[in-house]
């Protein structure tokens, strides 16, 4: 009887660990709407690369309004499918970002800081290849 209870407990705990690992894997990836405008020759948009390291989740953030900015690496807080990170004061998007990753998209907004050229602080980015993987 004791072995059966132990085996069931171990099975349940390992299953819970698998669920946690799957949730963590789903948030990692590249989220981008960065694109090249053939008419103007400009690059515009945002790219967020969510990675996991021994120090937790990190975000590599790059935006472009005409030409790409220097990417910024910051610590991210991930709880389930929710994500937040703080971008330092800079030319371009900055301040605290709060969002959610679901259905292959990162949707959220900057609570403070710079906004995009259309005056929007909200972003919706699809998960997929980086602009730099698609660019030719």
Protein backbone atom coordinates (compact mmCIF):
# COMPACT_ATOMS: atom_id res chain seq x y z
CA UNK A 1 0.00 0.00 0.00
CA UNK A 2 2.81 2.44 0.92
CA UNK A 3 4.54 1.88 -2.42
CA UNK A 4 1.31 2.52 -4.28
CA UNK A 5 0.73 5.83 -2.48
CA UNK A 6 4.36 6.81 -3.08
CA UNK A 7 4.11 5.94 -6.79
CA UNK A 8 0.87 7.91 -7.21
CA UNK A 9 2.32 10.91 -5.34
CA UNK A 10 5.47 10.83 -7.47
CA UNK A 11 3.40 10.56 -10.66
CA UNK A 12 1.27 13.57 -9.68
CA UNK A 13 4.32 15.67 -8.73
CA UNK A 14 6.13 14.86 -11.98
CA UNK A 15 2.99 15.73 -13.92
CA UNK A 16 2.80 19.10 -12.14
CA UNK A 17 6.45 19.77 -13.02
CA UNK A 18 5.74 18.97 -16.68
CA UNK A 19 2.82 21.42 -16.69
CA UNK A 20 5.06 24.15 -15.22
CA UNK A 21 7.78 23.45 -17.78
CA UNK A 22 5.29 23.62 -20.66
CA UNK A 23 3.92 26.96 -19.39
CA UNK A 24 7.46 28.38 -19.19
CA UNK A 25 8.26 27.20 -22.73
CA UNK A 26 5.19 28.85 -24.17
CA UNK A 27 6.16 32.36 -23.13
CA UNK A 28 9.66 32.15 -24.56
CA UNK A 29 10.07 33.11 -28.18
CA UNK A 30 10.19 36.01 -30.59
CA UNK A 31 7.26 38.43 -30.88
CA UNK A 32 7.51 40.94 -33.70
CA UNK A 33 5.73 43.38 -35.98
CA UNK A 34 8.96 44.88 -37.30
CA UNK A 35 8.81 45.39 -41.07
CA UNK A 36 10.55 47.09 -43.97
CA UNK A 37 8.66 49.75 -45.91
CA UNK A 38 9.72 49.52 -49.58
CA UNK A 39 8.38 52.98 -50.44
CA UNK A 40 10.27 54.89 -47.75
CA UNK A 41 13.15 52.47 -47.21
CA UNK A 42 12.46 52.61 -43.46
CA UNK A 43 12.27 49.85 -40.88
CA UNK A 44 9.56 50.26 -38.24
CA UNK A 45 7.98 48.21 -35.48
CA UNK A 46 8.85 46.37 -32.31
CA UNK A 47 10.56 43.10 -31.55
CA UNK A 48 10.51 41.35 -28.15
CA UNK A 49 12.58 38.21 -27.65
CA UNK A 50 11.69 36.42 -24.40
CA UNK A 51 14.39 34.00 -23.20
CA UNK A 52 15.07 32.03 -20.04
CA UNK A 53 18.45 32.00 -18.27
CA UNK A 54 19.88 30.76 -14.99
CA UNK A 55 18.88 34.17 -13.58
CA UNK A 56 15.26 33.88 -14.76
CA UNK A 57 13.43 35.37 -17.71
CA UNK A 58 15.04 38.10 -19.81
CA UNK A 59 13.70 40.26 -22.64
CA UNK A 60 15.70 41.53 -25.58
CA UNK A 61 13.76 44.57 -26.82
CA UNK A 62 14.31 46.44 -30.07
CA UNK A 63 12.15 49.08 -31.71
CA UNK A 64 12.52 50.94 -34.97
CA UNK A 65 11.04 54.15 -36.36
CA UNK A 66 12.96 54.66 -39.57
CA UNK A 67 16.00 52.76 -38.40
CA UNK A 68 16.46 50.08 -35.73
CA UNK A 69 17.46 51.14 -32.21
CA UNK A 70 20.18 49.43 -30.20
CA UNK A 71 18.59 46.36 -28.53
CA UNK A 72 18.11 46.49 -24.75
CA UNK A 73 18.34 43.44 -22.45
CA UNK A 74 16.22 43.62 -19.28
CA UNK A 75 14.91 41.24 -16.62
CA UNK A 76 11.31 40.11 -17.09
CA UNK A 77 8.81 38.93 -14.50
CA UNK A 78 6.71 36.03 -15.80
CA UNK A 79 3.76 34.63 -13.87
CA UNK A 80 1.87 32.09 -15.92
CA UNK A 81 1.13 33.84 -19.20
CA UNK A 82 1.56 37.36 -17.74
CA UNK A 83 4.78 39.23 -18.40
CA UNK A 84 6.19 42.57 -17.28
CA UNK A 85 9.49 44.34 -17.71
CA UNK A 86 10.98 47.82 -17.30
CA UNK A 87 12.84 49.55 -20.12
CA UNK A 88 15.34 52.23 -19.10
CA UNK A 89 14.85 55.86 -20.11
CA UNK A 90 15.93 56.03 -23.73
CA UNK A 91 15.03 57.37 -27.14
CA UNK A 92 12.06 55.18 -28.07
CA UNK A 93 9.82 53.03 -25.92
CA UNK A 94 10.67 53.17 -22.23
CA UNK A 95 9.06 52.57 -18.86
CA UNK A 96 7.10 49.64 -17.47
CA UNK A 97 5.47 47.19 -19.87
CA UNK A 98 2.69 44.88 -18.66
CA UNK A 99 1.23 42.24 -20.96
CA UNK A 100 -0.02 38.75 -21.57
CA UNK A 101 1.13 36.02 -23.91
CA UNK A 102 -1.62 33.84 -25.34
CA UNK A 103 -2.69 32.36 -28.66
CA UNK A 104 0.69 33.09 -30.21
CA UNK A 105 0.59 36.81 -29.41
CA UNK A 106 2.10 39.23 -26.92
CA UNK A 107 -0.49 41.88 -26.05
CA UNK A 108 0.11 44.66 -23.56
CA UNK A 109 0.95 48.27 -22.95
CA UNK A 110 3.54 50.62 -21.55
CA UNK A 111 2.25 52.20 -18.35
CA UNK A 112 4.70 55.10 -18.54
CA UNK A 113 7.36 56.25 -20.92
CA UNK A 114 7.61 56.89 -24.61
CA UNK A 115 4.88 55.91 -27.02
CA UNK A 116 4.95 54.96 -30.66
CA UNK A 117 4.70 57.37 -33.57
CA UNK A 118 0.91 56.99 -33.59
CA UNK A 119 0.74 57.98 -29.92
CA UNK A 120 -0.10 54.44 -28.83
CA UNK A 121 1.40 52.73 -25.82
CA UNK A 122 -0.36 49.42 -26.57
CA UNK A 123 1.25 46.71 -28.65
CA UNK A 124 0.17 43.43 -30.21
CA UNK A 125 3.00 41.28 -31.53
CA UNK A 126 2.69 37.90 -33.23
CA UNK A 127 4.99 35.06 -32.27
CA UNK A 128 7.22 33.96 -35.13
CA UNK A 129 10.51 34.64 -36.81
CA UNK A 130 12.53 37.72 -36.08
CA UNK A 131 12.55 40.51 -38.66
CA UNK A 132 16.27 39.76 -38.93
CA UNK A 133 15.50 36.16 -39.92
CA UNK A 134 12.94 37.31 -42.52
CA UNK A 135 14.90 40.28 -43.94
CA UNK A 136 16.75 39.75 -47.18
